[in-house]
């Protein structure tokens, strides 16, 4: 375990600005809006800001305010944030991101969780927070062998928590792929978990939902809505799950290509009134994309879809007894009803939020933190 600071070499930034200045732009249909994909007019505005106004060094310095480390786990260098909680009995809490993001997804949560008394909460609600970059994401090393599916990712994170950091009991939270990985933690490393907290039911369950017996009316509506979403929005899953590297050559070589691919997901999956910047700042959007660009991890990140599609662990029926809390945000990707979640999880808390979307930790950090505090409070007895 070694201390880590982000320090992107200047030639990488110089190369980025050269590529942005020499972008070959597409034509745009009239009134296309976002119907055909990322809106060209908005993408040009964001790319111009990226080239002329965005300051990576400022963002880099902000990220380096968090204590960061790397550790070798299964011969793979894993990058993570580790911040001690300020309270009488802080509970270890691991936050697990998904795609298309990284540890950056969770940074707004960290001060609220680690120092609640400074943010309107109680000191006894403090957490010690661990935020890893998944293998192949962000500043973690890229796997060089096949098989890094959600189960194997969970095994790596379990070793981080128990062997590297020495926690016997902890809580794990996740969204997107983080939900699948945290579920695998609960299925395979339950003895070390106080509980798990998720913002969605892992997508692998939705794929076979229509084959389940005795579906409720709410579950039947969920199946219909999810199928419609798959038809309209899930093309990226098919590409990334079958031929991820064919796509990745272009995204790894073109900053605007990468920006367009990722920003479309933030626009489609978040809660806003048609203007994405009512939910995210330009700096938030670009810092997330920059982490992919400067680490060249778009290819290794999208391989997770291929690995998951070929994973026997995700094909097997499951149910975990680990206490589970759900925070469901209305503009997330086809939110599932509680009775569907109860088929797979020991649901102890179910909260339907008034607003927010898929990137809840960035969109509504206050709502998410409040729900985490309430869910974990009765579990803290095991750590006293």
Protein backbone atom coordinates (compact mmCIF):
# COMPACT_ATOMS: atom_id res chain seq x y z
CA UNK A 1 0.00 0.00 0.00
CA UNK A 2 1.62 3.21 -1.22
CA UNK A 3 0.50 6.87 -1.14
CA UNK A 4 -0.59 8.17 -4.54
CA UNK A 5 -0.98 11.58 -6.15
CA UNK A 6 -2.42 12.29 -9.57
CA UNK A 7 0.15 14.00 -11.77
CA UNK A 8 -0.66 13.86 -15.46
CA UNK A 9 2.42 14.55 -17.61
CA UNK A 10 2.21 17.87 -19.46
CA UNK A 11 2.80 16.27 -22.90
CA UNK A 12 -0.47 14.31 -22.41
CA UNK A 13 -2.34 17.59 -21.91
CA UNK A 14 -0.57 19.25 -24.83
CA UNK A 15 -1.50 16.33 -27.08
CA UNK A 16 -5.13 16.60 -25.93
CA UNK A 17 -5.31 20.27 -26.89
CA UNK A 18 -3.81 19.53 -30.30
CA UNK A 19 -6.40 16.84 -30.96
CA UNK A 20 -9.26 19.07 -29.82
CA UNK A 21 -8.07 21.82 -32.14
CA UNK A 22 -8.04 19.42 -35.10
CA UNK A 23 -11.44 17.76 -34.59
CA UNK A 24 -13.31 16.76 -37.75
CA UNK A 25 -16.94 17.61 -37.00
CA UNK A 26 -20.06 15.91 -38.32
CA UNK A 27 -22.99 17.60 -40.00
CA UNK A 28 -26.20 17.92 -37.96
CA UNK A 29 -29.80 17.48 -39.04
CA UNK A 30 -32.20 20.31 -38.33
CA UNK A 31 -34.13 19.87 -35.06
CA UNK A 32 -32.23 16.67 -34.30
CA UNK A 33 -31.96 17.59 -30.61
CA UNK A 34 -30.58 14.42 -28.93
CA UNK A 35 -32.74 11.98 -30.91
CA UNK A 36 -29.88 10.65 -33.06
CA UNK A 37 -27.33 10.65 -30.26
CA UNK A 38 -25.22 13.41 -28.75
CA UNK A 39 -26.36 16.82 -29.95
CA UNK A 40 -23.68 18.34 -32.17
CA UNK A 41 -24.23 21.96 -31.13
CA UNK A 42 -23.89 21.15 -27.44
CA UNK A 43 -20.90 18.88 -28.03
CA UNK A 44 -19.13 21.67 -29.90
CA UNK A 45 -19.80 24.08 -27.03
CA UNK A 46 -18.48 21.60 -24.48
CA UNK A 47 -15.43 20.76 -26.58
CA UNK A 48 -14.64 24.46 -27.02
CA UNK A 49 -14.80 24.92 -23.25
CA UNK A 50 -12.58 21.85 -22.83
CA UNK A 51 -9.98 23.32 -25.19
CA UNK A 52 -10.06 26.95 -24.12
CA UNK A 53 -11.32 27.26 -20.53
CA UNK A 54 -11.20 23.97 -18.66
CA UNK A 55 -8.25 23.73 -16.26
CA UNK A 56 -7.22 20.16 -15.53
CA UNK A 57 -4.50 21.24 -13.10
CA UNK A 58 -7.14 22.90 -10.90
CA UNK A 59 -9.28 19.77 -10.94
CA UNK A 60 -6.24 17.58 -10.37
CA UNK A 61 -5.34 19.61 -7.28
CA UNK A 62 -8.89 19.25 -5.92
CA UNK A 63 -8.77 15.47 -6.38
CA UNK A 64 -5.38 15.34 -4.69
CA UNK A 65 -6.91 16.85 -1.56
CA UNK A 66 -8.25 13.34 -0.91
CA UNK A 67 -5.84 10.81 0.58
CA UNK A 68 -5.15 8.32 -2.22
CA UNK A 69 -3.23 5.07 -2.33
CA UNK A 70 -2.39 2.14 -4.55
CA UNK A 71 -2.07 -1.48 -3.50
CA UNK A 72 -1.10 -4.63 -5.38
CA UNK A 73 -3.95 -7.13 -5.26
CA UNK A 74 -3.73 -10.29 -7.35
CA UNK A 75 -0.75 -8.72 -9.14
CA UNK A 76 -2.87 -5.74 -10.18
CA UNK A 77 -2.31 -2.19 -8.95
CA UNK A 78 -5.55 -0.88 -7.46
CA UNK A 79 -6.07 2.85 -6.89
CA UNK A 80 -8.33 4.00 -4.06
CA UNK A 81 -9.25 6.86 -1.74
CA UNK A 82 -9.15 6.14 1.99
CA UNK A 83 -10.43 8.82 4.40
CA UNK A 84 -10.83 8.24 8.14
CA UNK A 85 -14.15 9.30 9.62
CA UNK A 86 -14.38 12.05 12.24
CA UNK A 87 -16.61 10.57 14.91
CA UNK A 88 -16.69 8.26 17.92
CA UNK A 89 -17.12 5.01 15.97
CA UNK A 90 -16.84 5.49 12.18
CA UNK A 91 -18.08 2.52 10.17
CA UNK A 92 -15.96 1.46 7.17
CA UNK A 93 -17.92 2.13 3.99
CA UNK A 94 -16.77 1.20 0.50
CA UNK A 95 -18.33 3.10 -2.42
CA UNK A 96 -18.26 1.23 -5.73
CA UNK A 97 -18.75 3.08 -9.01
CA UNK A 98 -19.90 1.90 -12.44
CA UNK A 99 -19.61 2.95 -16.09
CA UNK A 100 -19.06 5.51 -17.58
CA UNK A 101 -17.43 6.91 -14.48
CA UNK A 102 -14.72 6.19 -11.89
CA UNK A 103 -13.94 7.06 -8.30
CA UNK A 104 -14.91 10.61 -9.31
CA UNK A 105 -18.58 9.56 -9.16
CA UNK A 106 -18.33 9.47 -5.35
CA UNK A 107 -16.23 12.54 -4.46
CA UNK A 108 -19.17 14.75 -3.43
CA UNK A 109 -20.23 12.14 -0.89
CA UNK A 110 -16.89 11.88 0.90
CA UNK A 111 -16.95 15.02 3.11
CA UNK A 112 -20.61 14.46 4.01
CA UNK A 113 -19.91 10.89 5.08
CA UNK A 114 -16.56 11.31 6.82
CA UNK A 115 -17.33 14.53 8.72
CA UNK A 116 -21.11 14.70 9.20
CA UNK A 117 -20.93 17.16 12.09
CA UNK A 118 -19.44 19.74 9.72
CA UNK A 119 -22.32 19.24 7.27
CA UNK A 120 -25.43 19.36 9.41
CA UNK A 121 -25.28 15.80 10.72
CA UNK A 122 -24.25 13.98 13.88
CA UNK A 123 -20.67 12.94 14.62
CA UNK A 124 -21.91 9.45 15.51
CA UNK A 125 -23.02 9.01 11.87
CA UNK A 126 -19.43 9.21 10.62
CA UNK A 127 -18.01 6.71 8.14
CA UNK A 128 -14.47 5.86 7.18
CA UNK A 129 -14.76 5.97 3.39
CA UNK A 130 -12.95 3.83 0.84
CA UNK A 131 -13.49 4.58 -2.86
CA UNK A 132 -11.63 2.28 -5.26
CA UNK A 133 -11.20 2.62 -8.97
CA UNK A 134 -12.31 -0.71 -10.42
CA UNK A 135 -9.64 -2.74 -12.22
CA UNK A 136 -9.28 -1.22 -15.68
CA UNK A 137 -10.84 2.09 -14.62
CA UNK A 138 -9.29 5.41 -13.72
CA UNK A 139 -5.90 5.14 -12.06
CA UNK A 140 -6.13 1.43 -11.33
CA UNK A 141 -4.09 -0.82 -13.59
CA UNK A 142 -5.67 -2.42 -16.63
CA UNK A 143 -6.08 -6.21 -16.47
CA UNK A 144 -4.00 -8.11 -19.02
CA UNK A 145 -6.01 -11.33 -18.85
CA UNK A 146 -9.61 -12.32 -19.44
CA UNK A 147 -12.19 -12.90 -16.77
CA UNK A 148 -12.53 -9.67 -14.80
CA UNK A 149 -16.29 -9.98 -14.45
CA UNK A 150 -18.27 -8.53 -11.49
CA UNK A 151 -17.51 -11.57 -9.32
CA UNK A 152 -13.78 -11.28 -9.84
CA UNK A 153 -13.96 -7.53 -9.30
CA UNK A 154 -15.76 -8.24 -6.01
CA UNK A 155 -13.04 -10.67 -4.98
CA UNK A 156 -10.41 -7.97 -5.57
CA UNK A 157 -12.35 -5.40 -3.55
CA UNK A 158 -12.92 -7.89 -0.73
CA UNK A 159 -9.16 -8.38 -0.46
CA UNK A 160 -8.66 -4.62 -0.43
CA UNK A 161 -11.03 -4.24 2.50
CA UNK A 162 -10.03 -7.24 4.61
CA UNK A 163 -6.39 -8.01 3.79
CA UNK A 164 -4.96 -4.66 2.72
CA UNK A 165 -6.95 -2.39 5.05
CA UNK A 166 -7.74 -4.95 7.75
CA UNK A 167 -11.48 -4.36 8.18
CA UNK A 168 -13.33 -7.35 9.58
CA UNK A 169 -16.75 -5.80 8.98
CA UNK A 170 -17.83 -3.05 6.61
CA UNK A 171 -20.69 -1.70 4.52
CA UNK A 172 -20.60 -1.60 0.71
CA UNK A 173 -22.59 0.76 -1.51
CA UNK A 174 -22.85 0.68 -5.29
CA UNK A 175 -24.68 1.85 -8.37
CA UNK A 176 -24.63 0.68 -12.00
CA UNK A 177 -21.88 -1.97 -12.23
CA UNK A 178 -21.23 -1.13 -8.61
CA UNK A 179 -24.59 -2.74 -7.77
CA UNK A 180 -23.60 -5.98 -9.50
CA UNK A 181 -20.19 -6.00 -7.85
CA UNK A 182 -21.60 -5.28 -4.39
CA UNK A 183 -24.17 -8.04 -4.91
CA UNK A 184 -21.29 -10.42 -5.64
CA UNK A 185 -19.62 -9.26 -2.43
CA UNK A 186 -22.79 -10.16 -0.54
CA UNK A 187 -23.03 -13.56 -2.23
CA UNK A 188 -19.39 -14.55 -1.77
CA UNK A 189 -18.04 -12.50 1.15
CA UNK A 190 -21.08 -12.12 3.39
CA UNK A 191 -19.19 -12.78 6.64
CA UNK A 192 -17.39 -9.45 6.29
CA UNK A 193 -20.43 -7.34 5.48
CA UNK A 194 -22.63 -5.45 7.91
CA UNK A 195 -24.94 -4.58 5.01
CA UNK A 196 -25.10 -3.40 1.43
CA UNK A 197 -26.78 -0.33 -0.05
CA UNK A 198 -27.68 0.03 -3.74
CA UNK A 199 -29.23 2.58 -6.06
CA UNK A 200 -30.56 -0.03 -8.48
CA UNK A 201 -31.31 -3.72 -8.84
CA UNK A 202 -28.47 -5.22 -10.91
CA UNK A 203 -29.37 -5.26 -14.60
CA UNK A 204 -28.63 -9.00 -14.92
CA UNK A 205 -31.88 -9.72 -13.04
CA UNK A 206 -33.95 -7.51 -15.31
CA UNK A 207 -32.83 -9.48 -18.37
CA UNK A 208 -34.64 -12.60 -17.17
CA UNK A 209 -37.51 -10.90 -15.31
CA UNK A 210 -40.18 -12.06 -17.77
CA UNK A 211 -39.35 -15.69 -16.94
CA UNK A 212 -40.01 -15.32 -13.21
CA UNK A 213 -43.18 -16.86 -11.71
CA UNK A 214 -46.10 -14.92 -10.23
CA UNK A 215 -45.12 -11.46 -11.36
CA UNK A 216 -47.03 -8.66 -9.66
CA UNK A 217 -48.68 -5.89 -11.65
CA UNK A 218 -45.79 -3.58 -10.79
CA UNK A 219 -43.27 -6.19 -11.91
CA UNK A 220 -45.12 -6.75 -15.18
CA UNK A 221 -45.07 -2.99 -15.83
CA UNK A 222 -41.35 -2.98 -15.05
CA UNK A 223 -40.73 -5.79 -17.57
CA UNK A 224 -42.57 -3.86 -20.30
CA UNK A 225 -40.76 -0.62 -19.52
CA UNK A 226 -37.38 -2.33 -19.40
CA UNK A 227 -37.94 -4.04 -22.75
CA UNK A 228 -38.85 -0.71 -24.31
CA UNK A 229 -35.70 0.83 -22.84
CA UNK A 230 -33.58 -2.03 -24.17
CA UNK A 231 -34.98 -1.47 -27.66
CA UNK A 232 -34.41 2.28 -27.64
CA UNK A 233 -31.35 2.88 -25.45
CA UNK A 234 -29.27 -0.27 -24.99
CA UNK A 235 -27.32 -0.35 -28.26
CA UNK A 236 -24.18 0.60 -26.35
CA UNK A 237 -24.57 -2.58 -24.25
CA UNK A 238 -24.66 -4.75 -27.36
CA UNK A 239 -21.51 -3.16 -28.78
CA UNK A 240 -19.58 -3.12 -25.51
CA UNK A 241 -20.75 -6.64 -24.67
CA UNK A 242 -19.76 -8.19 -28.00
CA UNK A 243 -17.03 -6.16 -29.73
CA UNK A 244 -15.75 -3.67 -27.15
CA UNK A 245 -12.30 -3.15 -28.60
CA UNK A 246 -13.59 -2.32 -32.08
CA UNK A 247 -15.36 0.64 -30.51
CA UNK A 248 -12.51 1.51 -28.16
CA UNK A 249 -9.92 2.21 -30.88
CA UNK A 250 -11.87 5.29 -31.95
CA UNK A 251 -12.76 6.47 -28.45
CA UNK A 252 -9.18 6.10 -27.23
CA UNK A 253 -7.87 8.13 -30.18
CA UNK A 254 -10.40 10.97 -30.37
CA UNK A 255 -11.18 13.14 -27.34
CA UNK A 256 -14.37 14.46 -28.95
CA UNK A 257 -15.40 10.92 -29.83
CA UNK A 258 -14.89 9.89 -26.21
CA UNK A 259 -16.71 12.99 -24.99
CA UNK A 260 -19.68 12.36 -27.28
CA UNK A 261 -19.96 8.71 -26.23
CA UNK A 262 -19.95 9.44 -22.51
CA UNK A 263 -21.91 12.72 -22.41
CA UNK A 264 -24.86 11.15 -24.20
CA UNK A 265 -25.23 8.75 -21.26
CA UNK A 266 -25.09 11.56 -18.71
CA UNK A 267 -27.76 13.41 -20.69
CA UNK A 268 -30.02 10.37 -21.10
CA UNK A 269 -29.72 8.91 -17.61
CA UNK A 270 -29.79 11.94 -15.31
CA UNK A 271 -32.60 14.07 -13.94
CA UNK A 272 -32.78 17.45 -15.69
CA UNK A 273 -35.24 19.61 -17.57
CA UNK A 274 -33.55 19.20 -20.96
CA UNK A 275 -30.43 21.15 -20.01
CA UNK A 276 -27.77 18.79 -18.70
CA UNK A 277 -25.95 21.69 -17.07
CA UNK A 278 -28.84 22.21 -14.69
CA UNK A 279 -27.60 18.98 -13.09
CA UNK A 280 -23.85 18.91 -13.80
CA UNK A 281 -21.31 21.66 -14.32
CA UNK A 282 -19.10 21.58 -17.37
CA UNK A 283 -16.15 20.93 -15.06
CA UNK A 284 -17.90 17.89 -13.54
CA UNK A 285 -18.66 16.46 -16.97
CA UNK A 286 -15.16 17.06 -18.30
CA UNK A 287 -13.29 15.86 -15.22
CA UNK A 288 -15.10 12.54 -15.50
CA UNK A 289 -14.12 12.27 -19.18
CA UNK A 290 -10.58 13.47 -18.50
CA UNK A 291 -9.95 10.58 -16.14
CA UNK A 292 -10.73 8.19 -19.00
CA UNK A 293 -8.62 10.19 -21.44
CA UNK A 294 -5.44 10.67 -19.41
CA UNK A 295 -5.40 7.03 -18.21
CA UNK A 296 -6.43 5.53 -21.57
CA UNK A 297 -8.92 3.26 -19.82
CA UNK A 298 -11.96 3.51 -22.07
CA UNK A 299 -11.01 0.19 -23.71
CA UNK A 300 -10.39 -1.67 -20.47
CA UNK A 301 -13.54 -0.19 -18.90
CA UNK A 302 -15.95 -1.28 -21.63
CA UNK A 303 -14.52 -4.81 -21.56
CA UNK A 304 -16.48 -5.27 -18.35
CA UNK A 305 -19.62 -5.56 -20.48
CA UNK A 306 -18.09 -8.42 -22.46
CA UNK A 307 -16.89 -10.16 -19.31
CA UNK A 308 -20.30 -9.81 -17.66
CA UNK A 309 -22.11 -11.10 -20.73
CA UNK A 310 -19.96 -14.25 -20.57
CA UNK A 311 -20.04 -14.60 -16.78
CA UNK A 312 -21.58 -17.75 -15.28
CA UNK A 313 -21.84 -15.94 -11.95
CA UNK A 314 -24.40 -13.49 -13.36
CA UNK A 315 -26.41 -16.23 -15.05
CA UNK A 316 -27.12 -18.18 -11.85
CA UNK A 317 -30.23 -17.53 -9.68
CA UNK A 318 -29.24 -15.70 -6.51
CA UNK A 319 -30.51 -14.47 -3.16
CA UNK A 320 -28.43 -12.88 -0.46
CA UNK A 321 -29.29 -12.71 3.24
CA UNK A 322 -27.08 -9.68 3.85
CA UNK A 323 -29.22 -6.72 5.05
CA UNK A 324 -29.84 -4.52 2.03
CA UNK A 325 -31.00 -0.97 1.56
CA UNK A 326 -32.16 0.58 -1.70
CA UNK A 327 -32.29 4.25 -2.65
CA UNK A 328 -34.33 4.42 -5.86
CA UNK A 329 -34.09 7.59 -7.93
CA UNK A 330 -37.01 8.32 -10.29
CA UNK A 331 -35.02 9.22 -13.42
CA UNK A 332 -32.67 6.24 -13.19
CA UNK A 333 -32.75 3.57 -15.89
CA UNK A 334 -36.13 1.77 -15.49
CA UNK A 335 -36.30 1.65 -11.67
CA UNK A 336 -37.53 -1.73 -10.40
CA UNK A 337 -40.35 -2.15 -7.84
CA UNK A 338 -39.62 -3.36 -4.30
CA UNK A 339 -41.17 -6.80 -4.78
CA UNK A 340 -38.76 -7.46 -7.64
CA UNK A 341 -35.78 -6.51 -5.49
CA UNK A 342 -37.03 -8.77 -2.70
CA UNK A 343 -36.68 -11.79 -4.97
CA UNK A 344 -32.90 -11.38 -4.80
CA UNK A 345 -32.13 -9.33 -1.67
CA UNK A 346 -32.94 -9.14 2.03
CA UNK A 347 -34.50 -5.68 1.72
CA UNK A 348 -34.44 -3.85 5.06
CA UNK A 349 -34.86 -0.32 3.73
CA UNK A 350 -36.52 0.92 0.55
CA UNK A 351 -36.54 4.63 -0.26
CA UNK A 352 -38.12 6.15 -3.37
CA UNK A 353 -36.44 9.51 -3.83
CA UNK A 354 -38.28 12.67 -4.95
CA UNK A 355 -35.73 13.48 -7.66
CA UNK A 356 -32.43 12.33 -9.15
CA UNK A 357 -31.20 9.92 -11.77
CA UNK A 358 -28.58 7.29 -12.50
CA UNK A 359 -25.59 9.28 -11.26
CA UNK A 360 -27.16 9.92 -7.87
CA UNK A 361 -23.88 10.46 -6.03
CA UNK A 362 -23.10 13.40 -8.32
CA UNK A 363 -26.69 14.60 -8.79
CA UNK A 364 -28.15 14.36 -5.30
CA UNK A 365 -25.36 13.65 -2.81
CA UNK A 366 -27.36 14.97 0.13
CA UNK A 367 -30.31 12.65 -0.47
CA UNK A 368 -28.05 9.65 -0.95
CA UNK A 369 -25.98 10.34 2.16
CA UNK A 370 -29.09 10.79 4.31
CA UNK A 371 -30.39 7.41 3.18
CA UNK A 372 -27.05 5.72 3.81
CA UNK A 373 -26.96 7.14 7.34
CA UNK A 374 -30.47 5.91 8.11
CA UNK A 375 -29.83 2.46 6.65
CA UNK A 376 -26.56 1.91 8.49
CA UNK A 377 -27.63 3.31 11.87
CA UNK A 378 -29.20 0.05 13.21
CA UNK A 379 -26.26 -1.94 11.82
CA UNK A 380 -23.73 0.07 13.83
CA UNK A 381 -24.53 -2.02 16.92
CA UNK A 382 -22.34 -4.79 15.51
CA UNK A 383 -19.31 -2.47 15.54
CA UNK A 384 -19.79 -1.11 19.07
